[in-house]
Amino acid sequence: MSTRGVIASCTLLVALSACSSDEPPPPTVVTELSVAIDANNDCTLGTTRIVCRQVAAVIKTRYPTSKPRVDICLDKAARYEAAVEVMNSVAAAGFPVGNFDCKASKS
């Protein structure tokens, strides 16, 4: 192989390895999420506790390309204000508020 061929092969290998080795995976796309509000008025998204009024900000950070429906699971002893904080956060971000049925939001 000529010097020119070796250089071309090396350049191709470097270009191919540079394109795919360190690229982060694309963000996860979700269509629905569930926020639980417990009796202590703490909000949980998945398994992570979050501040109720920051639900939408957390969703935008985790799923930047998604516009999920957000279901809200309320404990019977949760206060009204915690639910309003979640609904206001979600609605202001343009996410649709889903249902309030805990059984349906866990499926």
Protein backbone atom coordinates (compact mmCIF):
# COMPACT_ATOMS: atom_id res chain seq x y z
CA MET A 1 0.00 0.00 0.00
CA SER A 2 1.29 3.43 -0.86
CA THR A 3 1.89 6.21 1.66
CA ARG A 4 -1.06 8.04 0.27
CA GLY A 5 -3.28 4.98 0.80
CA VAL A 6 -2.07 4.55 4.39
CA ILE A 7 -2.76 8.20 5.18
CA ALA A 8 -6.23 7.95 3.63
CA SER A 9 -7.01 4.80 5.63
CA CYS A 10 -5.80 6.37 8.88
CA THR A 11 -7.83 9.51 8.23
CA LEU A 12 -10.94 7.44 7.59
CA LEU A 13 -10.44 5.44 10.80
CA VAL A 14 -9.93 8.58 12.88
CA ALA A 15 -13.00 10.22 11.34
CA LEU A 16 -15.20 7.18 11.99
CA SER A 17 -14.04 6.74 15.57
CA ALA A 18 -14.49 10.46 16.32
CA CYS A 19 -18.08 10.42 15.11
CA SER A 20 -19.45 7.67 17.28
CA SER A 21 -17.30 7.10 20.35
CA ASP A 22 -18.27 9.94 22.69
CA GLU A 23 -21.70 11.00 21.46
CA PRO A 24 -24.32 10.91 24.20
CA PRO A 25 -27.41 8.84 23.55
CA PRO A 26 -30.48 10.77 22.40
CA PRO A 27 -32.80 11.90 25.21
CA THR A 28 -35.55 9.52 26.25
CA VAL A 29 -38.98 10.43 24.90
CA VAL A 30 -41.95 9.85 27.19
CA THR A 31 -45.66 10.32 26.52
CA GLU A 32 -46.95 10.10 30.08
CA LEU A 33 -45.60 10.48 33.59
CA SER A 34 -47.06 10.18 37.05
CA VAL A 35 -46.46 12.48 40.00
CA ALA A 36 -47.46 11.18 43.42
CA ILE A 37 -48.33 13.49 46.32
CA ASP A 38 -48.20 11.69 49.66
CA ALA A 39 -49.85 12.45 53.00
CA ASN A 40 -46.89 14.69 53.98
CA ASN A 41 -47.47 16.72 50.78
CA ASP A 42 -44.18 15.53 49.28
CA CYS A 43 -44.10 15.04 45.51
CA THR A 44 -42.44 12.09 43.82
CA LEU A 45 -41.72 11.71 40.11
CA GLY A 46 -40.90 8.08 39.48
CA THR A 47 -38.74 7.26 42.50
CA THR A 48 -37.29 10.74 43.03
CA ARG A 49 -38.65 13.24 45.54
CA ILE A 50 -39.01 16.71 44.08
CA VAL A 51 -40.43 20.08 45.10
CA CYS A 52 -44.05 20.13 43.96
CA ARG A 53 -43.88 23.54 42.24
CA GLN A 54 -40.80 22.37 40.27
CA VAL A 55 -42.38 19.32 38.64
CA ALA A 56 -42.35 20.81 35.14
CA ALA A 57 -38.75 22.02 35.44
CA VAL A 58 -37.61 18.54 36.44
CA ILE A 59 -39.55 16.98 33.55
CA LYS A 60 -38.04 19.45 31.06
CA THR A 61 -34.54 18.69 32.36
CA ARG A 62 -34.94 14.91 32.24
CA TYR A 63 -36.97 14.70 29.03
CA PRO A 64 -36.15 17.82 26.97
CA THR A 65 -37.78 16.55 23.79
CA SER A 66 -40.98 15.24 25.40
CA LYS A 67 -44.41 16.78 26.01
CA PRO A 68 -45.86 14.11 28.32
CA ARG A 69 -49.30 13.95 29.87
CA VAL A 70 -48.81 14.25 33.62
CA ASP A 71 -51.07 12.16 35.84
CA ILE A 72 -51.33 13.16 39.49
CA CYS A 73 -51.78 10.53 42.19
CA LEU A 74 -53.08 12.17 45.36
CA ASP A 75 -52.97 10.56 48.76
CA LYS A 76 -56.32 11.03 50.52
CA ALA A 77 -54.58 13.11 53.24
CA ALA A 78 -52.65 15.36 50.80
CA ARG A 79 -53.46 19.04 51.01
CA TYR A 80 -55.13 20.89 48.18
CA GLU A 81 -52.27 23.39 47.81
CA ALA A 82 -49.72 20.71 46.88
CA ALA A 83 -51.95 19.51 44.03
CA VAL A 84 -52.44 23.10 42.84
CA GLU A 85 -48.65 23.68 42.82
CA VAL A 86 -48.20 20.61 40.60
CA MET A 87 -51.08 21.52 38.29
CA ASN A 88 -49.87 25.13 37.92
CA SER A 89 -46.30 24.00 37.20
CA VAL A 90 -47.42 21.45 34.63
CA ALA A 91 -49.96 23.72 32.92
CA ALA A 92 -47.54 26.67 32.74
CA ALA A 93 -45.03 24.44 30.95
CA GLY A 94 -47.65 23.41 28.40
CA PHE A 95 -47.90 19.80 29.55
CA PRO A 96 -51.39 18.34 29.64
CA VAL A 97 -52.68 17.32 33.07
CA GLY A 98 -53.99 13.76 32.95
CA ASN A 99 -56.10 11.97 35.48
CA PHE A 100 -56.10 11.85 39.26
CA ASP A 101 -56.72 8.11 39.55
CA CYS A 102 -53.73 6.48 41.28
CA LYS A 103 -54.50 3.03 39.90
CA ALA A 104 -54.64 4.26 36.31
CA SER A 105 -51.44 6.30 36.60
CA LYS A 106 -49.42 3.33 37.83
CA SER A 107 -50.10 1.26 34.74
